[in-house]
């Protein structure tokens, strides 16, 4: 618990999971759920269950990496355990329960060794669109310590495996089989899979496990890199298409408040531009010991950007959600996305949270439409804790929009 939180010593006894501490999840309940489900595994070296499917490729030691399958200690339809597109309506306790009871069995693998017989069987499971029954035989009982990461969904207990057996048939889409046998660039394959309607999370898994790309140059891609790469590739393609459309003819503001996060997206009637801004309150995930709100962000203008954004993978996750929405509208816009993260949100759960929250906000439709940027600023003052003045000071594109509007009004008044 960060120093920003001071609670009575008996608060947990009184609260009993009702959220009185202000956190978006209950650490005690999560620990109990996970401990109960894993209690039979802490001394055993065998795990049998239905992989969602879920695979993981690590980055530590690259180009020699850990690669393996994750299996929960239960069978049946476990799809949701590794399907971020279906998580946004769930509470964090449930999501953590799903993720932290997946047992990862792994082996060390060179990044270029994608034709190894054992890895080929992992690839078959990874490419299935339905759960696959798997029996893992581990070298030792799994370590129950967990991994929380800004890019990856939470990772549960893990151990090297001696062997594994697949007890049901994977179901691999025909387009995936075709692309595996074709000699096309990985980026081309990513776009084809996306346009075919496969979930982004599935495509990230396929890129990570080393089945996409030109023959002879395919490699394993650490999971966290593949997540950002797919978000970047797809959003870049969509932005190119969006630039062909006319700009929207009004300001549109979208909002979603979820798990002690506030997301606001402002689409302005301009040519394409994009900015992602985050404000982290003291006691939140990346500002646990701070005494002031920390505001960071990155942006691109019409020509895009050449450097990786300092704000990280959330930039591309949010750009993907925004480009998808504009592509559906057949319009372009200058987009300014603002996120406030409050003390109740103090754990890293992955960039899926940003992408899916914004998808939900766009699906709900705008909460404000106006032709006056001053109404947008008034809305920010009303809905955000940071306030319009601080957001305006921090956002490069918002400053550009406001300045342009003021010049336009000035010229109009002079002409009158």
Protein backbone atom coordinates (compact mmCIF):
# COMPACT_ATOMS: atom_id res chain seq x y z
CA UNK A 1 0.00 0.00 0.00
CA UNK A 2 1.41 3.41 -0.92
CA UNK A 3 1.97 6.10 1.67
CA UNK A 4 -0.90 8.07 0.11
CA UNK A 5 -3.32 5.70 1.88
CA UNK A 6 -3.77 5.71 5.66
CA UNK A 7 -6.53 3.48 7.01
CA UNK A 8 -7.71 2.23 10.40
CA UNK A 9 -6.09 -1.08 11.27
CA UNK A 10 -9.48 -2.82 11.35
CA UNK A 11 -10.79 -1.35 8.07
CA UNK A 12 -10.52 -4.67 6.19
CA UNK A 13 -12.50 -6.41 8.92
CA UNK A 14 -15.25 -3.83 8.63
CA UNK A 15 -15.19 -3.49 4.85
CA UNK A 16 -15.10 -7.16 3.80
CA UNK A 17 -14.53 -6.44 0.13
CA UNK A 18 -16.92 -3.51 -0.26
CA UNK A 19 -14.22 -1.11 -1.48
CA UNK A 20 -13.97 1.24 1.50
CA UNK A 21 -10.21 1.56 1.02
CA UNK A 22 -10.79 3.32 -2.29
CA UNK A 23 -8.93 0.76 -4.39
CA UNK A 24 -10.45 -0.56 -7.62
CA UNK A 25 -9.92 -4.13 -6.45
CA UNK A 26 -9.67 -6.00 -3.16
CA UNK A 27 -6.15 -7.41 -2.57
CA UNK A 28 -7.44 -9.78 0.12
CA UNK A 29 -10.18 -11.30 -2.06
CA UNK A 30 -7.83 -11.69 -5.02
CA UNK A 31 -5.27 -13.40 -2.81
CA UNK A 32 -7.94 -15.74 -1.42
CA UNK A 33 -9.33 -16.63 -4.87
CA UNK A 34 -5.89 -17.32 -6.31
CA UNK A 35 -4.67 -19.23 -3.24
CA UNK A 36 -7.77 -21.44 -3.28
CA UNK A 37 -7.49 -22.31 -6.96
CA UNK A 38 -3.76 -22.92 -6.78
CA UNK A 39 -3.69 -24.70 -3.41
CA UNK A 40 -3.61 -28.14 -5.04
CA UNK A 41 -0.72 -27.14 -7.32
CA UNK A 42 1.89 -25.70 -4.97
CA UNK A 43 3.34 -29.14 -4.25
CA UNK A 44 2.55 -30.79 -7.60
CA UNK A 45 4.35 -30.87 -10.91
CA UNK A 46 1.38 -31.63 -13.14
CA UNK A 47 -1.33 -29.25 -14.35
CA UNK A 48 -4.27 -30.27 -16.51
CA UNK A 49 -6.73 -27.75 -17.89
CA UNK A 50 -8.06 -25.92 -20.92
CA UNK A 51 -5.66 -23.32 -22.25
CA UNK A 52 -7.80 -20.32 -23.42
CA UNK A 53 -5.38 -20.58 -25.41
CA UNK A 54 -2.70 -18.44 -23.79
CA UNK A 55 0.99 -18.24 -24.62
CA UNK A 56 3.84 -16.08 -23.42
CA UNK A 57 7.18 -15.06 -24.90
CA UNK A 58 9.50 -13.27 -22.49
CA UNK A 59 12.09 -10.60 -23.20
CA UNK A 60 14.63 -11.19 -20.41
CA UNK A 61 17.75 -12.74 -21.92
CA UNK A 62 16.72 -11.88 -25.48
CA UNK A 63 17.53 -13.33 -28.04
CA UNK A 64 17.19 -16.45 -25.85
CA UNK A 65 13.73 -16.16 -24.34
CA UNK A 66 11.20 -18.03 -22.25
CA UNK A 67 8.32 -19.31 -24.33
CA UNK A 68 5.43 -21.40 -23.13
CA UNK A 69 1.76 -22.18 -22.59
CA UNK A 70 -0.52 -21.03 -19.79
CA UNK A 71 -3.13 -23.42 -18.38
CA UNK A 72 -5.70 -22.90 -15.59
CA UNK A 73 -6.45 -25.80 -13.22
CA UNK A 74 -9.89 -26.31 -14.81
CA UNK A 75 -11.42 -27.46 -18.08
CA UNK A 76 -14.20 -26.15 -20.28
CA UNK A 77 -14.71 -22.81 -21.98
CA UNK A 78 -11.86 -20.73 -20.55
CA UNK A 79 -11.70 -18.36 -23.53
CA UNK A 80 -12.24 -15.27 -21.41
CA UNK A 81 -9.07 -15.92 -19.41
CA UNK A 82 -7.04 -14.52 -22.33
CA UNK A 83 -9.55 -12.40 -24.23
CA UNK A 84 -9.06 -8.70 -23.26
CA UNK A 85 -11.76 -7.62 -25.69
CA UNK A 86 -14.32 -9.11 -23.26
CA UNK A 87 -12.85 -7.75 -20.02
CA UNK A 88 -14.00 -4.13 -19.96
CA UNK A 89 -17.33 -4.95 -18.29
CA UNK A 90 -15.70 -7.02 -15.54
CA UNK A 91 -14.45 -5.88 -12.15
CA UNK A 92 -10.71 -6.02 -11.54
CA UNK A 93 -11.08 -8.79 -8.94
CA UNK A 94 -12.48 -11.10 -11.63
CA UNK A 95 -9.83 -10.19 -14.21
CA UNK A 96 -7.02 -10.77 -11.71
CA UNK A 97 -8.63 -14.07 -10.71
CA UNK A 98 -8.60 -15.20 -14.36
CA UNK A 99 -5.06 -14.12 -15.05
CA UNK A 100 -3.34 -15.16 -11.85
CA UNK A 101 -4.68 -18.73 -11.93
CA UNK A 102 -3.12 -19.39 -15.34
CA UNK A 103 -0.05 -21.56 -14.73
CA UNK A 104 2.72 -20.87 -17.24
CA UNK A 105 4.92 -23.78 -18.28
CA UNK A 106 7.88 -22.56 -20.29
CA UNK A 107 11.14 -23.54 -21.99
CA UNK A 108 14.12 -21.50 -23.14
CA UNK A 109 14.18 -20.92 -26.87
CA UNK A 110 16.35 -18.96 -29.31
CA UNK A 111 14.31 -16.26 -31.01
CA UNK A 112 15.14 -17.68 -34.46
CA UNK A 113 14.42 -21.31 -33.55
CA UNK A 114 10.80 -21.22 -34.75
CA UNK A 115 10.82 -24.67 -36.39
CA UNK A 116 11.65 -26.63 -33.24
CA UNK A 117 9.20 -29.58 -32.82
CA UNK A 118 8.20 -28.54 -29.29
CA UNK A 119 7.67 -24.93 -30.31
CA UNK A 120 5.63 -26.07 -33.33
CA UNK A 121 3.17 -27.78 -30.98
CA UNK A 122 2.95 -24.64 -28.83
CA UNK A 123 2.24 -22.65 -32.01
CA UNK A 124 -0.62 -24.98 -32.92
CA UNK A 125 -2.26 -24.38 -29.55
CA UNK A 126 -1.59 -20.63 -29.69
CA UNK A 127 -3.35 -20.26 -33.05
CA UNK A 128 -6.55 -22.00 -31.96
CA UNK A 129 -9.72 -19.91 -31.71
CA UNK A 130 -11.12 -22.16 -28.97
CA UNK A 131 -9.72 -23.58 -25.72
CA UNK A 132 -7.40 -26.59 -25.99
CA UNK A 133 -7.00 -29.22 -23.26
CA UNK A 134 -3.36 -29.40 -22.21
CA UNK A 135 -1.46 -31.43 -19.62
CA UNK A 136 1.73 -29.79 -18.39
CA UNK A 137 4.46 -31.75 -16.64
CA UNK A 138 6.64 -29.25 -14.83
CA UNK A 139 10.23 -29.58 -13.64
CA UNK A 140 9.17 -28.26 -10.22
CA UNK A 141 6.00 -26.89 -8.60
CA UNK A 142 5.11 -23.45 -10.00
CA UNK A 143 6.27 -20.32 -8.23
CA UNK A 144 3.19 -18.43 -7.08
CA UNK A 145 4.73 -14.95 -7.34
CA UNK A 146 2.98 -12.85 -9.94
CA UNK A 147 4.11 -10.41 -12.63
CA UNK A 148 2.33 -7.11 -13.26
CA UNK A 149 3.41 -5.15 -16.32
CA UNK A 150 2.41 -1.90 -18.03
CA UNK A 151 2.00 -3.70 -21.38
CA UNK A 152 1.16 -7.36 -20.71
CA UNK A 153 -1.94 -8.57 -18.87
CA UNK A 154 -1.00 -9.95 -15.41
CA UNK A 155 1.00 -13.20 -15.45
CA UNK A 156 0.44 -15.93 -12.86
CA UNK A 157 2.65 -18.70 -11.41
CA UNK A 158 5.21 -20.31 -13.68
CA UNK A 159 7.74 -23.12 -13.92
CA UNK A 160 9.87 -24.76 -16.64
CA UNK A 161 8.07 -27.73 -18.18
CA UNK A 162 9.50 -31.17 -18.86
CA UNK A 163 6.83 -31.97 -21.41
CA UNK A 164 3.24 -31.26 -22.34
CA UNK A 165 0.45 -33.16 -24.05
CA UNK A 166 -2.40 -31.72 -26.09
CA UNK A 167 -5.63 -33.65 -25.46
CA UNK A 168 -7.98 -31.85 -27.90
CA UNK A 169 -7.77 -30.51 -31.42
CA UNK A 170 -6.91 -26.84 -31.98
CA UNK A 171 -9.18 -24.92 -34.37
CA UNK A 172 -7.07 -22.69 -36.64
CA UNK A 173 -8.76 -20.25 -39.07
CA UNK A 174 -8.16 -20.89 -42.76
CA UNK A 175 -6.68 -17.43 -43.33
CA UNK A 176 -4.06 -18.12 -40.67
CA UNK A 177 -3.05 -21.40 -42.34
CA UNK A 178 -2.75 -19.55 -45.66
CA UNK A 179 -0.59 -16.76 -44.24
CA UNK A 180 1.69 -19.25 -42.50
CA UNK A 181 2.34 -20.86 -45.88
CA UNK A 182 2.59 -17.55 -47.78
CA UNK A 183 5.77 -15.53 -48.11
CA UNK A 184 4.52 -12.11 -46.97
CA UNK A 185 5.83 -9.49 -44.57
CA UNK A 186 4.66 -9.70 -40.97
CA UNK A 187 3.01 -6.27 -41.20
CA UNK A 188 1.03 -7.38 -44.28
CA UNK A 189 -0.12 -10.51 -42.45
CA UNK A 190 -1.16 -8.46 -39.40
CA UNK A 191 -3.35 -6.22 -41.55
CA UNK A 192 -4.93 -9.18 -43.38
CA UNK A 193 -5.78 -10.89 -40.10
CA UNK A 194 -7.29 -7.68 -38.72
CA UNK A 195 -9.38 -7.05 -41.82
CA UNK A 196 -10.63 -10.65 -41.62
CA UNK A 197 -12.23 -9.81 -38.28
CA UNK A 198 -9.88 -11.66 -35.89
CA UNK A 199 -9.44 -9.97 -32.49
CA UNK A 200 -6.38 -7.80 -31.95
CA UNK A 201 -5.37 -10.01 -29.00
CA UNK A 202 -5.32 -13.06 -31.31
CA UNK A 203 -3.12 -11.26 -33.85
CA UNK A 204 -0.73 -10.19 -31.09
CA UNK A 205 -0.44 -13.82 -30.04
CA UNK A 206 0.23 -14.98 -33.61
CA UNK A 207 2.98 -12.39 -34.13
CA UNK A 208 4.57 -13.22 -30.78
CA UNK A 209 4.76 -16.97 -31.37
CA UNK A 210 6.79 -16.60 -34.58
CA UNK A 211 4.42 -17.74 -37.36
CA UNK A 212 4.12 -14.46 -39.28
CA UNK A 213 6.58 -12.87 -41.69
CA UNK A 214 8.64 -13.93 -44.68
CA UNK A 215 9.86 -17.49 -44.63
CA UNK A 216 13.38 -17.73 -43.33
CA UNK A 217 13.10 -14.51 -41.33
CA UNK A 218 10.40 -15.43 -38.81
CA UNK A 219 11.30 -14.98 -35.16
CA UNK A 220 9.78 -15.16 -31.72
CA UNK A 221 8.67 -11.72 -30.57
CA UNK A 222 8.43 -11.01 -26.82
CA UNK A 223 4.77 -10.67 -25.88
CA UNK A 224 5.02 -7.08 -24.70
CA UNK A 225 6.71 -6.09 -27.99
CA UNK A 226 4.14 -7.88 -30.11
CA UNK A 227 1.27 -6.15 -28.30
CA UNK A 228 2.62 -2.70 -29.10
CA UNK A 229 3.75 -3.71 -32.62
CA UNK A 230 0.27 -4.89 -33.61
CA UNK A 231 -1.41 -1.79 -32.15
CA UNK A 232 1.09 0.34 -34.08
CA UNK A 233 0.84 -1.52 -37.41
CA UNK A 234 -2.96 -1.59 -37.51
CA UNK A 235 -3.43 2.01 -36.35
CA UNK A 236 -0.87 3.26 -38.88
CA UNK A 237 -2.78 1.53 -41.67
CA UNK A 238 -6.11 2.92 -40.47
CA UNK A 239 -4.71 6.45 -40.12
CA UNK A 240 -3.56 6.35 -43.76
CA UNK A 241 -7.11 5.50 -44.75
CA UNK A 242 -8.63 8.09 -42.40
CA UNK A 243 -6.55 10.85 -44.02
CA UNK A 244 -8.48 10.27 -47.25
CA UNK A 245 -11.71 11.39 -45.61
CA UNK A 246 -13.06 14.90 -44.94
CA UNK A 247 -12.62 16.29 -41.41
CA UNK A 248 -15.60 16.16 -39.06
CA UNK A 249 -17.59 19.41 -38.96
CA UNK A 250 -17.87 19.85 -35.17
CA UNK A 251 -16.12 19.15 -31.91
CA UNK A 252 -17.06 15.76 -30.44
CA UNK A 253 -16.23 14.77 -26.88
CA UNK A 254 -16.35 11.18 -25.59
CA UNK A 255 -15.96 9.98 -22.02
CA UNK A 256 -15.74 6.86 -19.90
CA UNK A 257 -15.06 6.54 -16.17
CA UNK A 258 -13.90 3.09 -15.08
CA UNK A 259 -11.78 1.52 -12.32
CA UNK A 260 -10.67 4.89 -10.92
CA UNK A 261 -9.69 6.11 -14.38
CA UNK A 262 -11.29 8.89 -16.39
CA UNK A 263 -10.82 8.87 -20.17
CA UNK A 264 -11.86 11.85 -22.30
CA UNK A 265 -11.40 11.95 -26.08
CA UNK A 266 -11.76 15.23 -27.96
CA UNK A 267 -12.15 15.07 -31.73
CA UNK A 268 -11.69 18.46 -33.36
CA UNK A 269 -12.73 19.51 -36.90
CA UNK A 270 -9.16 19.55 -38.25
CA UNK A 271 -6.88 17.38 -40.33
CA UNK A 272 -5.39 14.35 -38.60
CA UNK A 273 -3.32 14.88 -35.51
CA UNK A 274 -3.13 12.81 -32.36
CA UNK A 275 -2.12 13.32 -28.74
CA UNK A 276 -2.22 11.00 -25.75
CA UNK A 277 -1.93 12.56 -22.28
CA UNK A 278 -1.89 10.93 -18.83
CA UNK A 279 -2.25 12.53 -15.39
CA UNK A 280 -1.17 10.25 -12.54
CA UNK A 281 -2.39 11.13 -9.05
CA UNK A 282 -0.16 10.47 -6.00
CA UNK A 283 -0.76 6.89 -4.88
CA UNK A 284 -1.62 5.63 -8.38
CA UNK A 285 0.41 2.98 -10.25
CA UNK A 286 3.30 5.03 -11.63
CA UNK A 287 3.21 7.80 -9.05
CA UNK A 288 3.08 5.80 -5.80
CA UNK A 289 5.23 8.10 -3.66
CA UNK A 290 4.67 11.44 -5.37
CA UNK A 291 3.18 14.49 -3.70
CA UNK A 292 1.82 16.10 -6.89
CA UNK A 293 -0.07 15.03 -9.99
CA UNK A 294 2.34 14.00 -12.75
CA UNK A 295 1.26 14.83 -16.32
CA UNK A 296 2.96 13.26 -19.35
CA UNK A 297 2.14 12.75 -23.01
CA UNK A 298 3.20 12.57 -26.65
CA UNK A 299 1.71 13.67 -29.94
CA UNK A 300 1.96 13.51 -33.72
CA UNK A 301 0.89 15.89 -36.45
CA UNK A 302 -0.41 15.05 -39.93
CA UNK A 303 2.91 13.55 -41.09
CA UNK A 304 3.15 11.25 -38.07
CA UNK A 305 6.18 10.66 -35.88
CA UNK A 306 9.51 8.86 -36.33
CA UNK A 307 10.47 8.24 -32.69
CA UNK A 308 8.91 5.81 -30.23
CA UNK A 309 6.69 7.82 -27.86
CA UNK A 310 8.12 8.30 -24.39
CA UNK A 311 4.67 7.59 -22.92
CA UNK A 312 4.94 3.94 -24.05
CA UNK A 313 2.55 1.40 -25.53
CA UNK A 314 -0.61 3.17 -24.33
CA UNK A 315 0.02 5.70 -27.09
CA UNK A 316 -0.51 3.10 -29.82
CA UNK A 317 -3.35 1.34 -27.99
CA UNK A 318 -5.26 4.63 -27.76
CA UNK A 319 -4.37 5.59 -31.34
CA UNK A 320 -5.79 2.28 -32.57
CA UNK A 321 -9.12 2.81 -30.80
CA UNK A 322 -9.33 6.36 -32.19
CA UNK A 323 -8.37 5.40 -35.75
CA UNK A 324 -10.96 2.59 -35.69
CA UNK A 325 -13.68 5.03 -34.72
CA UNK A 326 -12.78 7.59 -37.37
CA UNK A 327 -12.52 4.86 -40.00
CA UNK A 328 -16.09 3.79 -39.14
CA UNK A 329 -17.22 7.41 -39.41
CA UNK A 330 -15.37 7.85 -42.72
CA UNK A 331 -13.99 11.12 -41.35
CA UNK A 332 -10.71 12.47 -40.06
CA UNK A 333 -10.07 14.70 -37.05
CA UNK A 334 -7.44 16.05 -34.71
CA UNK A 335 -7.72 13.87 -31.62
CA UNK A 336 -6.71 14.87 -28.09
CA UNK A 337 -7.07 12.05 -25.56
CA UNK A 338 -6.82 12.73 -21.83
CA UNK A 339 -6.59 10.18 -19.03
CA UNK A 340 -6.74 10.82 -15.30
CA UNK A 341 -5.58 7.99 -13.02
CA UNK A 342 -6.62 8.24 -9.37
CA UNK A 343 -5.12 6.63 -6.22
CA UNK A 344 -7.59 3.72 -6.22
CA UNK A 345 -5.85 2.37 -9.35
CA UNK A 346 -2.42 1.27 -8.18
CA UNK A 347 -1.56 -1.81 -10.22
CA UNK A 348 -0.35 -2.39 -13.78
CA UNK A 349 -2.71 -4.56 -15.84
CA UNK A 350 -1.62 -3.93 -19.44
CA UNK A 351 -2.37 -1.57 -22.33
CA UNK A 352 -5.47 -3.58 -23.28
CA UNK A 353 -7.22 -1.53 -20.59
CA UNK A 354 -6.60 1.70 -22.49
CA UNK A 355 -7.58 0.30 -25.88
CA UNK A 356 -10.78 -1.39 -24.69
CA UNK A 357 -11.88 1.52 -22.45
CA UNK A 358 -11.62 3.93 -25.37
CA UNK A 359 -13.35 1.52 -27.73
CA UNK A 360 -16.23 1.46 -25.25
CA UNK A 361 -16.29 5.24 -24.98
CA UNK A 362 -16.42 5.66 -28.75
CA UNK A 363 -19.13 3.00 -29.07
CA UNK A 364 -21.30 4.90 -26.59
CA UNK A 365 -21.16 8.01 -28.75
CA UNK A 366 -20.26 11.62 -27.92
CA UNK A 367 -21.33 13.19 -24.63
CA UNK A 368 -20.90 16.65 -26.16
CA UNK A 369 -21.07 18.03 -29.70
CA UNK A 370 -20.41 21.71 -30.31
CA UNK A 371 -18.94 24.22 -32.73
CA UNK A 372 -17.34 26.23 -29.94
CA UNK A 373 -14.05 25.12 -28.37
CA UNK A 374 -14.94 27.15 -25.29
CA UNK A 375 -17.71 24.66 -24.54
CA UNK A 376 -15.15 21.87 -24.76
CA UNK A 377 -12.94 23.64 -22.21
CA UNK A 378 -15.93 24.25 -19.97
CA UNK A 379 -16.72 20.55 -20.13
CA UNK A 380 -13.14 19.70 -19.14
CA UNK A 381 -13.44 22.06 -16.18
CA UNK A 382 -16.64 20.35 -15.13
CA UNK A 383 -15.63 16.70 -15.61
CA UNK A 384 -11.90 16.50 -14.89
CA UNK A 385 -10.16 16.89 -11.55
CA UNK A 386 -7.11 18.46 -13.19
CA UNK A 387 -9.18 21.20 -14.78
CA UNK A 388 -9.15 22.80 -18.22
CA UNK A 389 -6.37 25.28 -17.40
CA UNK A 390 -3.86 22.56 -16.43
CA UNK A 391 -4.83 20.30 -19.33
CA UNK A 392 -4.53 23.22 -21.76
CA UNK A 393 -1.11 24.08 -20.38
CA UNK A 394 0.08 20.47 -20.80
CA UNK A 395 -1.44 19.59 -24.19
CA UNK A 396 0.35 20.79 -27.33
CA UNK A 397 -2.52 19.99 -29.67
CA UNK A 398 -5.18 21.47 -27.42
CA UNK A 399 -3.17 24.69 -27.39
CA UNK A 400 -3.02 24.59 -31.20
CA UNK A 401 -6.77 24.05 -31.49
CA UNK A 402 -7.63 26.87 -29.09
CA UNK A 403 -5.19 29.29 -30.74
CA UNK A 404 -6.60 28.51 -34.18
CA UNK A 405 -10.16 29.04 -32.96
CA UNK A 406 -9.25 32.39 -31.42
CA UNK A 407 -7.55 33.56 -34.61
CA UNK A 408 -10.59 32.48 -36.65
CA UNK A 409 -12.98 34.38 -34.37
CA UNK A 410 -10.71 37.44 -34.51
CA UNK A 411 -10.55 37.40 -38.30
CA UNK A 412 -14.33 36.90 -38.50
CA UNK A 413 -14.97 39.86 -36.23
CA UNK A 414 -12.55 42.05 -38.24
CA UNK A 415 -14.29 41.03 -41.46
CA UNK A 416 -17.65 41.92 -40.00
